[in-house]
């Protein structure tokens, strides 16, 4: 044991004077704590004196690699032990056993023998102690220094996940530390819940302001489209707005009242088909549009029919799209389609198309084929603008890539394009005349924006001109690195 005291003094002295100050957790005190815990567990687990010495020595060296670098510090610790320990009477076999113990502490821990299990439990002994909060705060500050975590919320989530996955190896640690560890985990969960509540309160206020602003802008755009382009020039649109315009032109009823009246039953249907939040937001949007139409006078911005069709549709589409981004609607035709879909074999597109055919057919009969055709152009322009406003210019596209050079492509996608990927295991080949020829391959799936699609194809082509690449538009996304959209 005298040799251990000597090497202990040597290593502790190196750690005290050689470790950088920003190592707030992996400092000399941590090493001393692990040596103390290793000694305690070795005695409780009934190790021999020599085995206890090996565990103590491994504990002393296990983080000594931080003297050189925080990256791969376990390997650096092993090299330092292999260099110094033979001079203190340790045999090559004992040095190898100490190295195995040190490497077992690398996260996630992987202890295969009794001595390694004791060292692993000693290294994370603090998880079940009353000093956990102090030690965890020191580790948090250190990880922030190395950009391993961004903020306290991410840190709490990582710690809870870590404590959920962690298991003590030895019976002694399980009996003495498991209850304390669970208590510490519960305290973390409570703290995370408080953090999330505060974040939600702050976020909800900002979100309400953003949603309100988008809805007001959307209603103003729609109001200008109706009063500045469509109504003064007797043009129409599709959907419930088109029905309201048609009734207004034929019977001269108040347009604002018609839009509200025709949308009320659809709000009720939306309440049951989509949800309460959607119905309430739709009610607010339609009422505000009605008020806007009452306050705005008719003012024909142009008499050119082509300009009316294009810009009237564009303004209306932008307005409806902005309102849709906040999870509401100014036109309930999709609610009709959803309601009818459950009772027929028609698709939503077919149902909406059928309703609009009826609207434009009546318009052609009442006001002439030219007006109806220009109104169809208005509707087309509006729907395209809605798509761009709701989807955005960064609408997402799912891309699947099958290539014999998948490893290089994966590297390029992640490191050059900065996109996450999902890999499926599959087989390629099975060509006509060569059906029996096939080989295993990685099928790569990723999600990019429209603007990135060409860049991705060029990147893949440079690696493998024969790669099979196909893309499809993604309508609904959540989670991952994608932006979240307002939900109904």
Protein backbone atom coordinates (compact mmCIF):
# COMPACT_ATOMS: atom_id res chain seq x y z
CA UNK A 1 0.00 0.00 0.00
CA UNK A 2 2.98 2.30 0.41
CA UNK A 3 3.45 2.29 -3.35
CA UNK A 4 -0.18 3.42 -3.77
CA UNK A 5 0.32 6.32 -1.36
CA UNK A 6 3.35 7.38 -3.36
CA UNK A 7 1.61 7.19 -6.75
CA UNK A 8 -1.48 8.80 -5.20
CA UNK A 9 0.58 11.83 -4.13
CA UNK A 10 2.22 12.02 -7.57
CA UNK A 11 -1.05 11.92 -9.58
CA UNK A 12 -2.98 14.22 -7.24
CA UNK A 13 -0.15 16.74 -7.43
CA UNK A 14 -0.26 16.56 -11.26
CA UNK A 15 -4.04 17.06 -11.26
CA UNK A 16 -3.91 19.98 -8.82
CA UNK A 17 -1.38 21.89 -10.89
CA UNK A 18 -2.10 20.59 -14.41
CA UNK A 19 -5.86 20.59 -14.86
CA UNK A 20 -7.36 23.76 -16.40
CA UNK A 21 -9.65 25.84 -14.19
CA UNK A 22 -12.64 25.42 -16.51
CA UNK A 23 -12.87 21.73 -15.59
CA UNK A 24 -15.37 22.40 -12.83
CA UNK A 25 -16.43 18.75 -12.53
CA UNK A 26 -13.49 16.64 -13.75
CA UNK A 27 -11.16 18.24 -11.26
CA UNK A 28 -8.91 16.84 -8.54
CA UNK A 29 -11.80 16.68 -6.05
CA UNK A 30 -13.73 14.37 -8.37
CA UNK A 31 -10.78 11.97 -8.55
CA UNK A 32 -10.42 11.99 -4.76
CA UNK A 33 -14.16 11.28 -4.41
CA UNK A 34 -13.99 8.35 -6.83
CA UNK A 35 -10.99 6.85 -5.04
CA UNK A 36 -12.87 7.12 -1.74
CA UNK A 37 -16.03 5.55 -3.22
CA UNK A 38 -13.97 2.79 -4.90
CA UNK A 39 -12.33 1.94 -1.56
CA UNK A 40 -15.74 1.81 0.18
CA UNK A 41 -17.34 -0.40 -2.47
CA UNK A 42 -14.31 -2.71 -2.67
CA UNK A 43 -14.48 -3.35 1.07
CA UNK A 44 -18.26 -3.89 1.02
CA UNK A 45 -18.02 -6.25 -1.97
CA UNK A 46 -15.33 -8.33 -0.19
CA UNK A 47 -12.37 -7.79 -2.51
CA UNK A 48 -8.91 -8.94 -1.52
CA UNK A 49 -6.27 -6.39 -0.57
CA UNK A 50 -4.56 -6.65 -3.97
CA UNK A 51 -7.85 -6.35 -5.87
CA UNK A 52 -8.76 -3.31 -3.81
CA UNK A 53 -5.40 -1.78 -4.71
CA UNK A 54 -6.09 -2.31 -8.42
CA UNK A 55 -9.50 -0.64 -8.17
CA UNK A 56 -8.07 2.28 -6.17
CA UNK A 57 -5.31 2.76 -8.73
CA UNK A 58 -7.75 2.64 -11.65
CA UNK A 59 -9.90 5.23 -9.84
CA UNK A 60 -6.84 7.44 -9.35
CA UNK A 61 -5.93 7.33 -13.06
CA UNK A 62 -9.40 7.14 -14.64
CA UNK A 63 -9.62 10.89 -15.46
CA UNK A 64 -5.91 11.70 -15.59
CA UNK A 65 -6.22 11.97 -19.38
CA UNK A 66 -7.84 15.37 -18.89
CA UNK A 67 -4.30 16.63 -18.25
CA UNK A 68 -3.84 16.37 -22.04
CA UNK A 69 -7.32 16.61 -23.59
CA UNK A 70 -11.01 16.18 -22.81
CA UNK A 71 -11.40 14.16 -26.03
CA UNK A 72 -10.80 10.42 -25.60
CA UNK A 73 -9.51 11.12 -22.12
CA UNK A 74 -10.03 7.48 -21.07
CA UNK A 75 -7.51 6.29 -23.65
CA UNK A 76 -5.08 8.98 -22.58
CA UNK A 77 -5.54 7.92 -18.95
CA UNK A 78 -4.69 4.33 -19.89
CA UNK A 79 -1.52 5.43 -21.68
CA UNK A 80 -0.41 7.43 -18.64
CA UNK A 81 -1.08 4.45 -16.35
CA UNK A 82 0.83 2.12 -18.70
CA UNK A 83 3.76 4.53 -18.64
CA UNK A 84 3.98 5.12 -14.87
CA UNK A 85 2.67 2.01 -13.08
CA UNK A 86 5.43 -0.47 -13.96
CA UNK A 87 7.82 1.72 -11.97
CA UNK A 88 5.64 1.14 -8.88
CA UNK A 89 5.68 -2.65 -8.99
CA UNK A 90 2.55 -3.33 -11.05
CA UNK A 91 2.81 -6.32 -13.37
CA UNK A 92 1.87 -6.08 -17.07
CA UNK A 93 -1.27 -8.13 -16.35
CA UNK A 94 -2.28 -5.75 -13.55
CA UNK A 95 -1.65 -2.69 -15.75
CA UNK A 96 -3.84 -4.30 -18.44
CA UNK A 97 -6.60 -4.94 -15.88
CA UNK A 98 -6.42 -1.30 -14.73
CA UNK A 99 -6.70 -0.15 -18.35
CA UNK A 100 -9.78 -2.35 -18.84
CA UNK A 101 -11.38 -0.80 -15.76
CA UNK A 102 -10.65 2.73 -16.95
CA UNK A 103 -12.11 2.07 -20.41
CA UNK A 104 -15.24 0.58 -18.81
CA UNK A 105 -16.05 4.03 -17.35
CA UNK A 106 -16.43 5.52 -20.84
CA UNK A 107 -20.08 6.45 -21.32
CA UNK A 108 -22.17 4.48 -21.83
CA UNK A 109 -20.45 2.35 -19.21
CA UNK A 110 -19.66 -1.25 -20.20
CA UNK A 111 -18.34 -3.21 -17.24
CA UNK A 112 -17.81 -6.94 -17.86
CA UNK A 113 -15.93 -7.99 -14.69
CA UNK A 114 -16.28 -7.38 -10.97
CA UNK A 115 -13.47 -4.87 -10.65
CA UNK A 116 -14.74 -2.80 -13.59
CA UNK A 117 -18.26 -2.83 -12.13
CA UNK A 118 -16.97 -1.45 -8.83
CA UNK A 119 -15.03 1.35 -10.57
CA UNK A 120 -18.03 2.27 -12.74
CA UNK A 121 -20.26 2.52 -9.67
CA UNK A 122 -17.59 4.57 -7.85
CA UNK A 123 -17.32 6.96 -10.83
CA UNK A 124 -21.06 7.72 -10.70
CA UNK A 125 -21.48 7.22 -6.97
CA UNK A 126 -22.63 10.81 -6.56
CA UNK A 127 -25.86 10.17 -8.52
CA UNK A 128 -27.44 8.78 -5.38
CA UNK A 129 -25.96 11.16 -2.81
CA UNK A 130 -27.07 14.44 -1.25
CA UNK A 131 -24.19 16.14 -3.07
CA UNK A 132 -25.78 15.37 -6.46
CA UNK A 133 -27.05 18.91 -7.12
CA UNK A 134 -23.63 20.46 -6.44
CA UNK A 135 -21.84 17.92 -8.63
CA UNK A 136 -24.43 18.13 -11.40
CA UNK A 137 -24.20 21.93 -11.49
CA UNK A 138 -20.40 21.68 -11.82
CA UNK A 139 -20.82 19.19 -14.69
CA UNK A 140 -23.40 21.44 -16.36
CA UNK A 141 -21.03 24.41 -16.33
CA UNK A 142 -18.24 22.25 -17.75
CA UNK A 143 -20.44 20.86 -20.54
CA UNK A 144 -21.58 24.37 -21.45
CA UNK A 145 -17.91 25.31 -21.76
CA UNK A 146 -17.47 22.56 -24.37
CA UNK A 147 -20.82 23.34 -26.08
CA UNK A 148 -22.22 19.93 -25.15
CA UNK A 149 -25.47 21.55 -23.95
CA UNK A 150 -27.10 24.86 -24.91
CA UNK A 151 -29.16 25.73 -21.87
CA UNK A 152 -30.53 24.47 -18.57
CA UNK A 153 -33.63 22.98 -20.16
CA UNK A 154 -31.59 20.75 -22.48
CA UNK A 155 -29.33 19.83 -19.56
CA UNK A 156 -32.26 18.77 -17.39
CA UNK A 157 -33.68 16.64 -20.18
CA UNK A 158 -30.31 14.96 -20.75
CA UNK A 159 -29.83 14.31 -17.04
CA UNK A 160 -33.28 12.77 -16.62
CA UNK A 161 -32.66 10.53 -19.63
CA UNK A 162 -29.26 9.59 -18.22
CA UNK A 163 -30.66 8.72 -14.79
CA UNK A 164 -33.45 6.70 -16.43
CA UNK A 165 -30.91 4.63 -18.38
CA UNK A 166 -28.28 4.32 -15.65
CA UNK A 167 -28.06 1.16 -13.56
CA UNK A 168 -25.67 0.48 -10.69
CA UNK A 169 -23.75 -2.79 -11.08
CA UNK A 170 -22.86 -3.82 -7.53
CA UNK A 171 -25.30 -4.95 -4.84
CA UNK A 172 -23.79 -2.44 -2.41
CA UNK A 173 -24.41 0.53 -4.72
CA UNK A 174 -27.92 -0.67 -5.53
CA UNK A 175 -28.84 -0.93 -1.85
CA UNK A 176 -27.18 2.30 -0.76
CA UNK A 177 -27.62 4.61 -3.78
CA UNK A 178 -30.62 3.58 -5.87
CA UNK A 179 -33.23 5.23 -3.63
CA UNK A 180 -31.24 8.48 -3.49
CA UNK A 181 -30.80 8.43 -7.26
CA UNK A 182 -34.56 8.11 -7.79
CA UNK A 183 -35.13 10.99 -5.38
CA UNK A 184 -32.67 13.15 -7.32
CA UNK A 185 -34.37 12.21 -10.60
CA UNK A 186 -37.77 13.23 -9.25
CA UNK A 187 -36.35 16.59 -8.18
CA UNK A 188 -34.93 17.08 -11.69
CA UNK A 189 -38.28 16.24 -13.24
CA UNK A 190 -40.03 18.77 -11.02
CA UNK A 191 -37.48 21.43 -11.93
CA UNK A 192 -37.89 20.64 -15.64
CA UNK A 193 -41.66 20.92 -15.34
CA UNK A 194 -41.28 24.36 -13.77
CA UNK A 195 -38.89 25.40 -16.54
CA UNK A 196 -41.31 24.19 -19.21
CA UNK A 197 -44.23 26.00 -17.55
CA UNK A 198 -42.31 29.27 -17.52
CA UNK A 199 -41.19 28.72 -21.10
CA UNK A 200 -44.75 27.98 -22.21
CA UNK A 201 -46.09 31.08 -20.47
CA UNK A 202 -43.48 33.24 -22.15
CA UNK A 203 -43.86 31.46 -25.47
CA UNK A 204 -47.65 31.54 -25.39
CA UNK A 205 -47.70 35.33 -25.06
CA UNK A 206 -45.36 35.76 -28.00
CA UNK A 207 -47.28 33.16 -30.00
CA UNK A 208 -50.62 34.87 -29.34
CA UNK A 209 -49.17 38.19 -30.52
CA UNK A 210 -47.72 36.60 -33.68
CA UNK A 211 -50.95 34.75 -34.45
CA UNK A 212 -53.03 37.88 -33.93
CA UNK A 213 -50.77 39.91 -36.20
CA UNK A 214 -50.89 37.26 -38.95
CA UNK A 215 -54.68 37.03 -38.70
CA UNK A 216 -55.14 40.80 -38.95
CA UNK A 217 -52.80 41.00 -41.94
CA UNK A 218 -54.59 38.09 -43.57
CA UNK A 219 -57.99 39.70 -43.11
CA UNK A 220 -56.73 43.01 -44.51
CA UNK A 221 -55.35 41.25 -47.60
CA UNK A 222 -58.62 39.37 -48.10
CA UNK A 223 -60.64 42.55 -47.57
CA UNK A 224 -58.61 44.45 -50.19
CA UNK A 225 -58.97 41.53 -52.62
CA UNK A 226 -62.75 41.50 -52.26
CA UNK A 227 -63.46 45.23 -52.10
CA UNK A 228 -60.63 46.42 -54.39
CA UNK A 229 -60.73 43.76 -57.11
CA UNK A 230 -63.51 41.18 -57.11
CA UNK A 231 -66.72 42.85 -55.90
CA UNK A 232 -66.49 46.10 -57.94
CA UNK A 233 -65.79 44.08 -61.11
CA UNK A 234 -68.33 41.27 -60.48
CA UNK A 235 -65.68 38.54 -60.27
CA UNK A 236 -65.94 35.32 -58.28
CA UNK A 237 -63.84 32.86 -56.38
CA UNK A 238 -64.35 29.25 -55.39
CA UNK A 239 -65.45 27.80 -52.08
CA UNK A 240 -67.70 29.48 -49.54
CA UNK A 241 -66.34 32.89 -50.55
CA UNK A 242 -67.42 32.15 -54.12
CA UNK A 243 -70.89 31.11 -52.99
CA UNK A 244 -71.21 34.32 -50.95
CA UNK A 245 -70.07 36.45 -53.92
CA UNK A 246 -72.52 34.66 -56.21
CA UNK A 247 -75.50 35.21 -53.89
CA UNK A 248 -74.41 38.82 -53.36
CA UNK A 249 -74.35 39.48 -57.12
CA UNK A 250 -77.65 37.77 -57.84
CA UNK A 251 -79.74 38.96 -54.86
CA UNK A 252 -77.63 41.93 -53.61
CA UNK A 253 -77.52 40.72 -50.02
CA UNK A 254 -74.85 42.13 -47.72
CA UNK A 255 -71.58 40.31 -48.53
CA UNK A 256 -70.21 40.48 -44.97
CA UNK A 257 -73.38 38.93 -43.57
CA UNK A 258 -73.40 36.21 -46.24
CA UNK A 259 -69.80 35.19 -45.51
CA UNK A 260 -70.53 34.95 -41.79
CA UNK A 261 -73.87 33.12 -42.25
CA UNK A 262 -72.47 30.54 -44.68
CA UNK A 263 -69.48 29.87 -42.47
CA UNK A 264 -71.37 29.46 -39.18
CA UNK A 265 -72.61 25.90 -39.87
CA UNK A 266 -69.13 25.03 -41.10
CA UNK A 267 -67.63 26.29 -37.83
CA UNK A 268 -69.98 23.94 -35.99
CA UNK A 269 -68.98 21.07 -38.26
CA UNK A 270 -65.32 22.05 -37.78
CA UNK A 271 -65.78 21.92 -34.01
CA UNK A 272 -66.61 18.22 -34.25
CA UNK A 273 -64.46 17.32 -37.27
CA UNK A 274 -61.27 19.25 -36.43
CA UNK A 275 -61.42 20.63 -32.91
CA UNK A 276 -62.55 23.38 -30.57
CA UNK A 277 -59.46 25.52 -31.08
CA UNK A 278 -59.91 25.53 -34.85
CA UNK A 279 -63.61 26.41 -34.59
CA UNK A 280 -62.99 29.34 -32.23
CA UNK A 281 -60.18 30.73 -34.38
CA UNK A 282 -62.30 30.36 -37.50
CA UNK A 283 -65.15 32.22 -35.76
CA UNK A 284 -62.78 35.07 -34.84
CA UNK A 285 -61.37 35.22 -38.37
CA UNK A 286 -64.74 35.23 -40.13
CA UNK A 287 -66.21 37.86 -37.78
CA UNK A 288 -63.18 40.11 -38.26
CA UNK A 289 -63.44 39.67 -42.04
CA UNK A 290 -67.10 40.66 -41.87
CA UNK A 291 -66.22 43.80 -39.89
CA UNK A 292 -63.42 44.59 -42.36
CA UNK A 293 -65.81 44.29 -45.33
CA UNK A 294 -68.34 46.56 -43.62
CA UNK A 295 -65.72 49.23 -42.96
CA UNK A 296 -64.06 49.11 -46.38
CA UNK A 297 -65.87 50.82 -49.29
CA UNK A 298 -65.84 49.42 -52.83
CA UNK A 299 -62.79 50.84 -54.60
CA UNK A 300 -61.89 49.42 -58.01
CA UNK A 301 -58.10 49.41 -58.23
CA UNK A 302 -58.18 48.41 -61.90
CA UNK A 303 -60.63 47.58 -64.68
CA UNK A 304 -58.25 45.25 -66.52
CA UNK A 305 -59.79 41.78 -66.28
CA UNK A 306 -56.48 39.95 -66.38
CA UNK A 307 -55.04 42.10 -63.58
CA UNK A 308 -58.21 41.63 -61.55
CA UNK A 309 -58.00 37.84 -61.94
CA UNK A 310 -54.33 37.59 -61.06
CA UNK A 311 -53.96 40.19 -58.32
CA UNK A 312 -57.43 39.73 -56.88
CA UNK A 313 -56.68 36.02 -56.55
CA UNK A 314 -53.19 36.69 -55.21
CA UNK A 315 -54.38 39.08 -52.49
CA UNK A 316 -57.20 36.71 -51.52
CA UNK A 317 -54.85 33.72 -51.46
CA UNK A 318 -52.29 35.54 -49.35
CA UNK A 319 -55.01 36.61 -46.91
CA UNK A 320 -56.53 33.14 -46.57
CA UNK A 321 -53.04 31.59 -46.34
CA UNK A 322 -51.93 33.90 -43.52
CA UNK A 323 -55.05 33.04 -41.54
CA UNK A 324 -54.47 29.33 -42.18
CA UNK A 325 -50.96 29.64 -40.76
CA UNK A 326 -52.43 30.45 -37.36
CA UNK A 327 -54.67 27.37 -37.46
CA UNK A 328 -57.91 29.03 -38.60
CA UNK A 329 -59.84 29.51 -41.85
CA UNK A 330 -61.74 32.24 -43.70
CA UNK A 331 -63.35 29.76 -46.06
CA UNK A 332 -64.96 26.60 -44.71
CA UNK A 333 -65.03 24.60 -47.92
CA UNK A 334 -62.43 22.16 -46.60
CA UNK A 335 -64.67 21.47 -43.61
CA UNK A 336 -67.45 20.55 -46.06
CA UNK A 337 -65.00 18.27 -47.83
CA UNK A 338 -63.90 16.61 -44.58
CA UNK A 339 -67.52 16.11 -43.50
CA UNK A 340 -68.52 14.66 -46.89
CA UNK A 341 -65.39 12.50 -47.09
CA UNK A 342 -66.56 10.42 -44.14
CA UNK A 343 -69.85 9.63 -45.91
CA UNK A 344 -68.71 9.10 -49.51
CA UNK A 345 -65.91 7.45 -51.46
CA UNK A 346 -64.79 10.75 -53.01
CA UNK A 347 -61.49 12.37 -52.08
CA UNK A 348 -61.28 15.87 -50.58
CA UNK A 349 -59.90 17.22 -53.87
CA UNK A 350 -62.78 15.71 -55.83
CA UNK A 351 -65.35 17.12 -53.43
CA UNK A 352 -63.89 20.64 -53.53
CA UNK A 353 -63.63 20.44 -57.33
CA UNK A 354 -67.26 19.39 -57.59
CA UNK A 355 -68.46 22.29 -55.43
CA UNK A 356 -66.42 24.78 -57.45
CA UNK A 357 -67.68 23.41 -60.78
CA UNK A 358 -71.22 24.14 -59.61
CA UNK A 359 -70.24 27.69 -58.52
CA UNK A 360 -68.53 28.55 -61.79
CA UNK A 361 -71.24 26.92 -63.87
CA UNK A 362 -73.89 29.16 -62.22
CA UNK A 363 -71.59 32.17 -62.71
CA UNK A 364 -71.25 31.33 -66.43
CA UNK A 365 -75.03 30.99 -66.81
CA UNK A 366 -75.80 34.23 -64.96
CA UNK A 367 -72.91 36.52 -65.97
CA UNK A 368 -71.39 35.00 -69.07
CA UNK A 369 -68.68 32.50 -69.90
CA UNK A 370 -65.94 35.14 -69.97
CA UNK A 371 -66.59 36.21 -66.39
CA UNK A 372 -66.68 32.58 -65.29
CA UNK A 373 -63.34 31.82 -67.00
CA UNK A 374 -61.65 34.87 -65.48
CA UNK A 375 -63.08 33.82 -62.09
CA UNK A 376 -61.57 30.36 -62.54
CA UNK A 377 -58.21 32.09 -63.12
CA UNK A 378 -58.80 34.07 -59.92
CA UNK A 379 -59.46 30.87 -58.02
CA UNK A 380 -56.37 29.18 -59.47
CA UNK A 381 -54.17 32.15 -58.53
CA UNK A 382 -55.63 32.21 -55.02
CA UNK A 383 -55.00 28.48 -54.45
CA UNK A 384 -51.39 28.76 -55.62
CA UNK A 385 -50.78 31.71 -53.32
CA UNK A 386 -52.36 29.83 -50.43
CA UNK A 387 -49.94 26.96 -51.05
CA UNK A 388 -46.92 29.27 -51.01
CA UNK A 389 -48.04 31.14 -47.92
CA UNK A 390 -48.94 28.02 -45.93
CA UNK A 391 -46.15 25.78 -47.22
CA UNK A 392 -43.67 28.64 -47.65
CA UNK A 393 -40.91 28.78 -50.21
CA UNK A 394 -39.17 26.26 -47.98
CA UNK A 395 -41.85 23.59 -48.43
CA UNK A 396 -40.31 20.28 -47.48
CA UNK A 397 -39.48 17.47 -49.86
CA UNK A 398 -38.69 13.92 -48.84
CA UNK A 399 -35.80 12.42 -50.82
CA UNK A 400 -34.90 8.72 -51.01
CA UNK A 401 -31.47 7.71 -52.32
CA UNK A 402 -30.32 4.21 -53.29
CA UNK A 403 -26.65 3.93 -54.15
CA UNK A 404 -23.68 1.57 -53.92
CA UNK A 405 -21.71 4.50 -52.46
CA UNK A 406 -24.09 5.18 -49.61
CA UNK A 407 -21.37 5.77 -46.99
CA UNK A 408 -19.93 8.72 -48.90
CA UNK A 409 -23.39 10.11 -49.64
CA UNK A 410 -24.38 9.86 -45.98
CA UNK A 411 -21.26 11.79 -44.99
CA UNK A 412 -21.94 14.47 -47.62
CA UNK A 413 -25.59 14.91 -46.64
CA UNK A 414 -24.82 15.32 -42.94
CA UNK A 415 -21.59 17.31 -43.13
CA UNK A 416 -21.92 19.26 -46.39
CA UNK A 417 -25.68 19.79 -46.62
CA UNK A 418 -26.24 19.86 -42.85
CA UNK A 419 -29.26 17.56 -42.92
CA UNK A 420 -30.24 14.68 -40.66
CA UNK A 421 -30.77 11.33 -42.36
CA UNK A 422 -32.59 8.06 -41.75
CA UNK A 423 -31.10 4.83 -43.08
CA UNK A 424 -33.09 1.72 -44.02
CA UNK A 425 -31.41 -1.61 -44.63
CA UNK A 426 -32.36 -3.08 -48.01
CA UNK A 427 -31.20 -4.87 -51.14
CA UNK A 428 -30.45 -3.46 -54.56
CA UNK A 429 -30.30 -5.26 -57.88
CA UNK A 430 -33.01 -7.67 -59.15
CA UNK A 431 -32.67 -6.32 -62.71
CA UNK A 432 -34.41 -7.88 -65.73
CA UNK A 433 -32.30 -10.80 -66.88
CA UNK A 434 -30.24 -10.65 -63.67
CA UNK A 435 -32.89 -11.28 -61.06
CA UNK A 436 -30.63 -13.52 -59.02
CA UNK A 437 -28.02 -10.74 -58.67
CA UNK A 438 -28.50 -8.47 -55.64
CA UNK A 439 -26.54 -6.91 -52.83
CA UNK A 440 -27.28 -5.36 -49.46
CA UNK A 441 -27.36 -1.57 -49.36
CA UNK A 442 -28.31 1.39 -47.21
CA UNK A 443 -31.43 3.21 -48.39
CA UNK A 444 -31.04 6.85 -47.34
CA UNK A 445 -34.00 9.09 -46.58
CA UNK A 446 -33.74 12.79 -45.79
CA UNK A 447 -35.91 15.89 -45.86
CA UNK A 448 -34.85 19.10 -47.61
CA UNK A 449 -36.45 22.34 -48.75
CA UNK A 450 -37.29 23.15 -52.36
CA UNK A 451 -34.26 25.39 -52.55
CA UNK A 452 -31.95 22.60 -51.37
CA UNK A 453 -33.29 19.91 -53.70
CA UNK A 454 -31.11 20.84 -56.69
CA UNK A 455 -28.04 21.13 -54.46
CA UNK A 456 -28.75 17.66 -53.04
CA UNK A 457 -29.12 16.11 -56.50
CA UNK A 458 -25.85 17.67 -57.66
CA UNK A 459 -24.09 16.45 -54.52
CA UNK A 460 -25.34 12.87 -55.04
CA UNK A 461 -24.51 12.95 -58.75
CA UNK A 462 -20.90 13.94 -58.00
CA UNK A 463 -20.54 10.91 -55.74
CA UNK A 464 -22.51 8.38 -57.80
CA UNK A 465 -23.98 9.35 -61.21
CA UNK A 466 -25.88 6.03 -61.24
CA UNK A 467 -27.59 6.60 -57.88
CA UNK A 468 -31.37 6.19 -57.89
CA UNK A 469 -32.95 9.33 -56.41
CA UNK A 470 -36.63 10.12 -56.08
CA UNK A 471 -38.45 12.88 -54.22
CA UNK A 472 -41.96 13.53 -52.97
CA UNK A 473 -43.65 16.55 -51.40
CA UNK A 474 -44.25 16.33 -47.66
CA UNK A 475 -47.52 17.88 -46.52
CA UNK A 476 -47.27 17.29 -42.77
CA UNK A 477 -44.12 17.46 -40.64
CA UNK A 478 -43.31 17.63 -36.95
CA UNK A 479 -40.31 17.15 -34.69
CA UNK A 480 -36.69 16.69 -35.69
CA UNK A 481 -34.98 19.70 -37.19
CA UNK A 482 -38.03 20.86 -39.08
CA UNK A 483 -39.89 24.04 -38.28
CA UNK A 484 -43.17 23.61 -36.47
CA UNK A 485 -46.38 24.90 -37.95
CA UNK A 486 -49.47 26.11 -36.18
CA UNK A 487 -51.74 23.23 -35.31
CA UNK A 488 -55.50 23.21 -35.34
